[in-house]
Each structure stands twice: as structure tokens, then as C-alpha cells.
Amino acid sequence: MADTLSCQWETLHSQQLRSIKKSIDSDHGIYRYRQVFLRCLYRRMSSLPKNRRRQQSMTLVLILIAGLMGASGVVLAAAAAHAKSGMGLEGAGYLLLFHAVAVLSGVALLQQSLLLRPLVLGVLSGWLLGSALFAGDIALRAFVGYRLFPMAAPTGGVVLILAWLALAVAAILALVRS
């Protein structure tokens, strides 16, 4: 019964909803429902063109990285509350939090195709690299006592500035194109 569910989620009828409920109520209904769900998800993903699947995977990876950046930012901000003042952990935490939101916004811009895709990907890469260098160097110096490499934090800052300027250039190009 549950094996006959349609993969078109928008057109689920009440009869199919009753079928799901019956299968969940049965002994192995949850297992069957999960199997059907995974099969339908696989069919939907495999029906997408290969290029679209790659884009969707890249989007999900960027969202994952933004989530990790946000969590790291919260951890650094919390550590700054308990550490000696002047270690820079608070600034590194806020920088990660801010750029996690920026990465999510960049992913939205990428999905909307408002700006040139290669430029937006460069901006996103710059935000990720710059944030990692800047916050990584400060955190490593605070916790371990060593730097990532000489001038890592300033290099990360310069990369972040260039990425923000590249976003402005992408917007100017989009305005000129339209």
C-alpha cells in the first residue's frame, strides 16, 4: 500500500494520506514509509539534470559550512566571555557569525541568479577563506599560543575586503547588464 505512493508531493490526495497513516500504524509501517520516502527522494534527485544536481549539492555544502561557521562563532564568543580580555576571541566570534549570515545570503543570491555566478562563487570563496584565516589565526593564538602563519589574520582581513568589493562589482555588472 505504501509502496504505491506518488513522488509528486504537491499532488498527494487524501486517499494517499490515509494510506500513509495505515502503513505507519502497521507493525513495520515506519520502515516502509522511510523506504518509500528515500526511493522517491532518489528518483527526484536522479531526474534532475547532472548540472542541476551539482549546483544543489554545492548549495547544500555552502549551507553546511555556514552552519559550522555560525556554531564556531558562538563557541568563540562564549569562550571570549570566560577568557582574559584583549585576546580577540570576541571579534573572531562575531566575524564568523556575521560571515555565516553573509554566506547564507550569498547562497540565496546564487539561487536567484541575480548576479553573475562565477563572481558570486568567488565572493563566497573569499568570505569562507578570509573568515577561516582571520578567526583561525586569532583562535589558535589564544588557545595554543602559536599563529597559523605570519600575517594570517591580516591576510584573512584583506581577502574579506576584496570579497566584499567583488560583491559590489558583481552588483554593478548586473545593473549595467539590465
C-alpha atoms as a PDB file:
ATOM      1  CA  MET A   1       0.000   0.000   0.000  1.00  0.00           C
ATOM      2  CA  ALA A   2       2.726   2.466   0.991  1.00  0.00           C
ATOM      3  CA  ASP A   3       4.840   1.340  -1.968  1.00  0.00           C
ATOM      4  CA  THR A   4       2.348   2.915  -4.367  1.00  0.00           C
ATOM      5  CA  LEU A   5       2.805   6.445  -3.038  1.00  0.00           C
ATOM      6  CA  SER A   6       3.396   9.051  -5.671  1.00  0.00           C
ATOM      7  CA  CYS A   7       6.629  11.047  -5.640  1.00  0.00           C
ATOM      8  CA  GLN A   8       4.795  14.208  -6.588  1.00  0.00           C
ATOM      9  CA  TRP A   9       4.404  15.746  -3.151  1.00  0.00           C
ATOM     10  CA  GLU A  10       2.272  18.618  -4.430  1.00  0.00           C
ATOM     11  CA  THR A  11      -0.487  16.262  -5.590  1.00  0.00           C
ATOM     12  CA  LEU A  12      -0.848  13.979  -2.612  1.00  0.00           C
ATOM     13  CA  HIS A  13      -4.537  13.131  -2.297  1.00  0.00           C
ATOM     14  CA  SER A  14      -6.426  12.349   0.862  1.00  0.00           C
ATOM     15  CA  GLN A  15      -6.514   8.660  -0.108  1.00  0.00           C
ATOM     16  CA  GLN A  16      -2.718   8.595  -0.202  1.00  0.00           C
ATOM     17  CA  LEU A  17      -2.563  10.366   3.143  1.00  0.00           C
ATOM     18  CA  ARG A  18      -4.834   7.662   4.617  1.00  0.00           C
ATOM     19  CA  SER A  19      -2.543   5.056   3.049  1.00  0.00           C
ATOM     20  CA  ILE A  20       0.464   6.617   4.808  1.00  0.00           C
ATOM     21  CA  LYS A  21      -1.411   6.650   8.108  1.00  0.00           C
ATOM     22  CA  LYS A  22      -2.372   2.979   7.743  1.00  0.00           C
ATOM     23  CA  SER A  23       1.181   1.982   6.873  1.00  0.00           C
ATOM     24  CA  ILE A  24       2.551   3.888   9.866  1.00  0.00           C
ATOM     25  CA  ASP A  25       0.013   2.201  12.136  1.00  0.00           C
ATOM     26  CA  SER A  26       1.062  -1.251  10.947  1.00  0.00           C
ATOM     27  CA  ASP A  27       3.935  -3.173  12.530  1.00  0.00           C
ATOM     28  CA  HIS A  28       6.597  -2.195  10.007  1.00  0.00           C
ATOM     29  CA  GLY A  29       4.866   0.898   8.651  1.00  0.00           C
ATOM     30  CA  ILE A  30       7.537   3.377   9.641  1.00  0.00           C
ATOM     31  CA  TYR A  31      10.194   1.284   7.934  1.00  0.00           C
ATOM     32  CA  ARG A  32       8.078   1.014   4.765  1.00  0.00           C
ATOM     33  CA  TYR A  33       7.326   4.736   4.795  1.00  0.00           C
ATOM     34  CA  ARG A  34      11.035   5.532   5.139  1.00  0.00           C
ATOM     35  CA  GLN A  35      11.854   3.197   2.243  1.00  0.00           C
ATOM     36  CA  VAL A  36       9.239   4.846   0.029  1.00  0.00           C
ATOM     37  CA  PHE A  37      10.390   8.317   1.034  1.00  0.00           C
ATOM     38  CA  LEU A  38      14.044   7.528   0.238  1.00  0.00           C
ATOM     39  CA  ARG A  39      13.090   5.903  -3.066  1.00  0.00           C
ATOM     40  CA  CYS A  40      11.039   8.956  -4.055  1.00  0.00           C
ATOM     41  CA  LEU A  41      13.801  11.323  -2.997  1.00  0.00           C
ATOM     42  CA  TYR A  42      16.324   9.334  -5.066  1.00  0.00           C
ATOM     43  CA  ARG A  43      14.013   9.432  -8.099  1.00  0.00           C
ATOM     44  CA  ARG A  44      13.555  13.184  -7.747  1.00  0.00           C
ATOM     45  CA  MET A  45      17.300  13.792  -7.433  1.00  0.00           C
ATOM     46  CA  SER A  46      18.193  11.465 -10.299  1.00  0.00           C
ATOM     47  CA  SER A  47      15.587  13.072 -12.554  1.00  0.00           C
ATOM     48  CA  LEU A  48      17.385  16.415 -12.234  1.00  0.00           C
ATOM     49  CA  PRO A  49      19.974  17.198 -14.883  1.00  0.00           C
ATOM     50  CA  LYS A  50      23.530  16.442 -13.779  1.00  0.00           C
ATOM     51  CA  ASN A  51      24.489  20.132 -13.716  1.00  0.00           C
ATOM     52  CA  ARG A  52      21.480  20.975 -11.525  1.00  0.00           C
ATOM     53  CA  ARG A  53      22.373  18.164  -9.093  1.00  0.00           C
ATOM     54  CA  ARG A  54      25.903  19.533  -8.799  1.00  0.00           C
ATOM     55  CA  GLN A  55      24.568  23.019  -8.112  1.00  0.00           C
ATOM     56  CA  GLN A  56      22.166  21.690  -5.494  1.00  0.00           C
ATOM     57  CA  SER A  57      24.952  19.719  -3.799  1.00  0.00           C
ATOM     58  CA  MET A  58      27.203  22.783  -3.788  1.00  0.00           C
ATOM     59  CA  THR A  59      24.392  24.854  -2.277  1.00  0.00           C
ATOM     60  CA  LEU A  60      23.891  22.313   0.492  1.00  0.00           C
ATOM     61  CA  VAL A  61      27.640  22.208   1.217  1.00  0.00           C
ATOM     62  CA  LEU A  62      27.727  26.014   1.458  1.00  0.00           C
ATOM     63  CA  ILE A  63      24.774  25.964   3.851  1.00  0.00           C
ATOM     64  CA  LEU A  64      26.545  23.293   5.921  1.00  0.00           C
ATOM     65  CA  ILE A  65      29.714  25.403   6.080  1.00  0.00           C
ATOM     66  CA  ALA A  66      27.680  28.475   7.064  1.00  0.00           C
ATOM     67  CA  GLY A  67      26.121  26.466   9.886  1.00  0.00           C
ATOM     68  CA  LEU A  68      29.543  25.377  11.099  1.00  0.00           C
ATOM     69  CA  MET A  69      30.799  28.966  10.894  1.00  0.00           C
ATOM     70  CA  GLY A  70      27.833  30.154  12.951  1.00  0.00           C
ATOM     71  CA  ALA A  71      28.370  27.465  15.578  1.00  0.00           C
ATOM     72  CA  SER A  72      32.087  28.269  15.736  1.00  0.00           C
ATOM     73  CA  GLY A  73      31.269  31.946  16.132  1.00  0.00           C
ATOM     74  CA  VAL A  74      29.018  31.215  19.091  1.00  0.00           C
ATOM     75  CA  VAL A  75      31.697  28.998  20.657  1.00  0.00           C
ATOM     76  CA  LEU A  76      34.352  31.707  20.255  1.00  0.00           C
ATOM     77  CA  ALA A  77      32.034  34.383  21.649  1.00  0.00           C
ATOM     78  CA  ALA A  78      31.295  32.157  24.648  1.00  0.00           C
ATOM     79  CA  ALA A  79      34.997  31.453  25.133  1.00  0.00           C
ATOM     80  CA  ALA A  80      35.667  35.197  24.987  1.00  0.00           C
ATOM     81  CA  ALA A  81      33.240  35.720  27.851  1.00  0.00           C
ATOM     82  CA  HIS A  82      35.386  33.457  30.047  1.00  0.00           C
ATOM     83  CA  ALA A  83      38.872  34.317  28.749  1.00  0.00           C
ATOM     84  CA  LYS A  84      41.137  37.237  29.542  1.00  0.00           C
ATOM     85  CA  SER A  85      40.097  40.388  27.777  1.00  0.00           C
ATOM     86  CA  GLY A  86      42.157  41.526  24.835  1.00  0.00           C
ATOM     87  CA  MET A  87      42.671  38.082  23.304  1.00  0.00           C
ATOM     88  CA  GLY A  88      40.499  38.899  20.294  1.00  0.00           C
ATOM     89  CA  LEU A  89      38.178  35.914  20.619  1.00  0.00           C
ATOM     90  CA  GLU A  90      35.084  38.082  20.755  1.00  0.00           C
ATOM     91  CA  GLY A  91      35.934  39.805  17.478  1.00  0.00           C
ATOM     92  CA  ALA A  92      36.743  36.483  15.801  1.00  0.00           C
ATOM     93  CA  GLY A  93      33.446  35.019  17.014  1.00  0.00           C
ATOM     94  CA  TYR A  94      31.411  37.936  15.738  1.00  0.00           C
ATOM     95  CA  LEU A  95      33.267  37.888  12.430  1.00  0.00           C
ATOM     96  CA  LEU A  96      32.347  34.215  11.962  1.00  0.00           C
ATOM     97  CA  LEU A  97      28.715  34.837  12.921  1.00  0.00           C
ATOM     98  CA  PHE A  98      28.431  37.792  10.573  1.00  0.00           C
ATOM     99  CA  HIS A  99      30.005  35.985   7.640  1.00  0.00           C
ATOM    100  CA  ALA A 100      27.905  32.853   8.234  1.00  0.00           C
ATOM    101  CA  VAL A 101      24.843  35.006   7.557  1.00  0.00           C
ATOM    102  CA  ALA A 102      26.627  36.582   4.593  1.00  0.00           C
ATOM    103  CA  VAL A 103      27.323  33.128   3.122  1.00  0.00           C
ATOM    104  CA  LEU A 104      23.646  32.192   3.502  1.00  0.00           C
ATOM    105  CA  SER A 105      22.674  35.439   1.773  1.00  0.00           C
ATOM    106  CA  GLY A 106      25.190  34.729  -0.978  1.00  0.00           C
ATOM    107  CA  VAL A 107      23.651  31.293  -1.484  1.00  0.00           C
ATOM    108  CA  ALA A 108      20.257  32.974  -1.866  1.00  0.00           C
ATOM    109  CA  LEU A 109      21.737  35.353  -4.451  1.00  0.00           C
ATOM    110  CA  LEU A 110      23.225  32.372  -6.235  1.00  0.00           C
ATOM    111  CA  GLN A 111      19.851  30.619  -6.342  1.00  0.00           C
ATOM    112  CA  GLN A 112      18.083  33.736  -7.639  1.00  0.00           C
ATOM    113  CA  SER A 113      20.655  34.207 -10.430  1.00  0.00           C
ATOM    114  CA  LEU A 114      20.645  37.960  -9.823  1.00  0.00           C
ATOM    115  CA  LEU A 115      24.415  38.249 -10.178  1.00  0.00           C
ATOM    116  CA  LEU A 116      26.986  36.523 -12.353  1.00  0.00           C
ATOM    117  CA  ARG A 117      27.502  33.025 -10.962  1.00  0.00           C
ATOM    118  CA  PRO A 118      31.330  32.959 -11.200  1.00  0.00           C
ATOM    119  CA  LEU A 119      31.594  36.274  -9.346  1.00  0.00           C
ATOM    120  CA  VAL A 120      29.223  35.164  -6.585  1.00  0.00           C
ATOM    121  CA  LEU A 121      31.156  31.908  -6.204  1.00  0.00           C
ATOM    122  CA  GLY A 122      34.353  33.950  -5.911  1.00  0.00           C
ATOM    123  CA  VAL A 123      32.743  36.159  -3.276  1.00  0.00           C
ATOM    124  CA  LEU A 124      31.558  33.125  -1.302  1.00  0.00           C
ATOM    125  CA  SER A 125      35.002  31.552  -1.527  1.00  0.00           C
ATOM    126  CA  GLY A 126      36.580  34.785  -0.352  1.00  0.00           C
ATOM    127  CA  TRP A 127      34.230  35.017   2.624  1.00  0.00           C
ATOM    128  CA  LEU A 128      34.959  31.433   3.617  1.00  0.00           C
ATOM    129  CA  LEU A 129      38.723  31.670   3.174  1.00  0.00           C
ATOM    130  CA  GLY A 130      39.052  35.093   4.767  1.00  0.00           C
ATOM    131  CA  SER A 131      36.912  34.135   7.769  1.00  0.00           C
ATOM    132  CA  ALA A 132      38.859  30.914   8.274  1.00  0.00           C
ATOM    133  CA  LEU A 133      42.218  32.681   8.117  1.00  0.00           C
ATOM    134  CA  PHE A 134      41.222  35.576  10.339  1.00  0.00           C
ATOM    135  CA  ALA A 135      39.290  33.705  13.029  1.00  0.00           C
ATOM    136  CA  GLY A 136      41.524  30.642  12.826  1.00  0.00           C
ATOM    137  CA  ASP A 137      44.669  32.653  13.450  1.00  0.00           C
ATOM    138  CA  ILE A 138      43.161  34.529  16.392  1.00  0.00           C
ATOM    139  CA  ALA A 139      41.692  31.379  17.967  1.00  0.00           C
ATOM    140  CA  LEU A 140      44.901  29.405  17.520  1.00  0.00           C
ATOM    141  CA  ARG A 141      46.924  32.212  19.062  1.00  0.00           C
ATOM    142  CA  ALA A 142      44.507  32.451  22.023  1.00  0.00           C
ATOM    143  CA  PHE A 143      44.202  28.733  22.750  1.00  0.00           C
ATOM    144  CA  VAL A 144      47.586  27.303  21.723  1.00  0.00           C
ATOM    145  CA  GLY A 145      49.890  30.296  21.735  1.00  0.00           C
ATOM    146  CA  TYR A 146      51.002  29.889  18.118  1.00  0.00           C
ATOM    147  CA  ARG A 147      49.950  31.666  14.956  1.00  0.00           C
ATOM    148  CA  LEU A 148      48.546  29.907  11.926  1.00  0.00           C
ATOM    149  CA  PHE A 149      51.336  31.515   9.862  1.00  0.00           C
ATOM    150  CA  PRO A 150      52.841  35.011   9.900  1.00  0.00           C
ATOM    151  CA  MET A 151      50.305  37.638   8.790  1.00  0.00           C
ATOM    152  CA  ALA A 152      47.434  35.111   8.612  1.00  0.00           C
ATOM    153  CA  ALA A 153      44.856  37.363  10.293  1.00  0.00           C
ATOM    154  CA  PRO A 154      45.717  40.431   8.173  1.00  0.00           C
ATOM    155  CA  THR A 155      45.696  38.252   5.046  1.00  0.00           C
ATOM    156  CA  GLY A 156      42.248  36.976   6.001  1.00  0.00           C
ATOM    157  CA  GLY A 157      41.088  40.552   6.515  1.00  0.00           C
ATOM    158  CA  VAL A 158      42.377  41.606   3.097  1.00  0.00           C
ATOM    159  CA  VAL A 159      40.660  38.607   1.470  1.00  0.00           C
ATOM    160  CA  LEU A 160      37.394  39.574   3.183  1.00  0.00           C
ATOM    161  CA  ILE A 161      37.689  43.178   1.975  1.00  0.00           C
ATOM    162  CA  LEU A 162      38.371  42.008  -1.582  1.00  0.00           C
ATOM    163  CA  ALA A 163      35.405  39.632  -1.448  1.00  0.00           C
ATOM    164  CA  TRP A 164      33.091  42.439  -0.351  1.00  0.00           C
ATOM    165  CA  LEU A 165      34.424  44.660  -3.142  1.00  0.00           C
ATOM    166  CA  ALA A 166      33.885  41.820  -5.626  1.00  0.00           C
ATOM    167  CA  LEU A 167      30.250  41.665  -4.481  1.00  0.00           C
ATOM    168  CA  ALA A 168      29.921  45.374  -5.237  1.00  0.00           C
ATOM    169  CA  VAL A 169      31.473  44.831  -8.694  1.00  0.00           C
ATOM    170  CA  ALA A 170      29.056  41.961  -9.347  1.00  0.00           C
ATOM    171  CA  ALA A 171      26.126  44.227  -8.458  1.00  0.00           C
ATOM    172  CA  ILE A 172      27.433  46.984 -10.744  1.00  0.00           C
ATOM    173  CA  LEU A 173      27.799  44.486 -13.608  1.00  0.00           C
ATOM    174  CA  ALA A 174      24.254  43.242 -13.024  1.00  0.00           C
ATOM    175  CA  LEU A 175      22.952  46.822 -13.106  1.00  0.00           C
ATOM    176  CA  VAL A 176      24.792  47.532 -16.354  1.00  0.00           C
ATOM    177  CA  ARG A 177      23.520  44.299 -17.908  1.00  0.00           C
ATOM    178  CA  SER A 178      19.858  45.022 -17.113  1.00  0.00           C
END
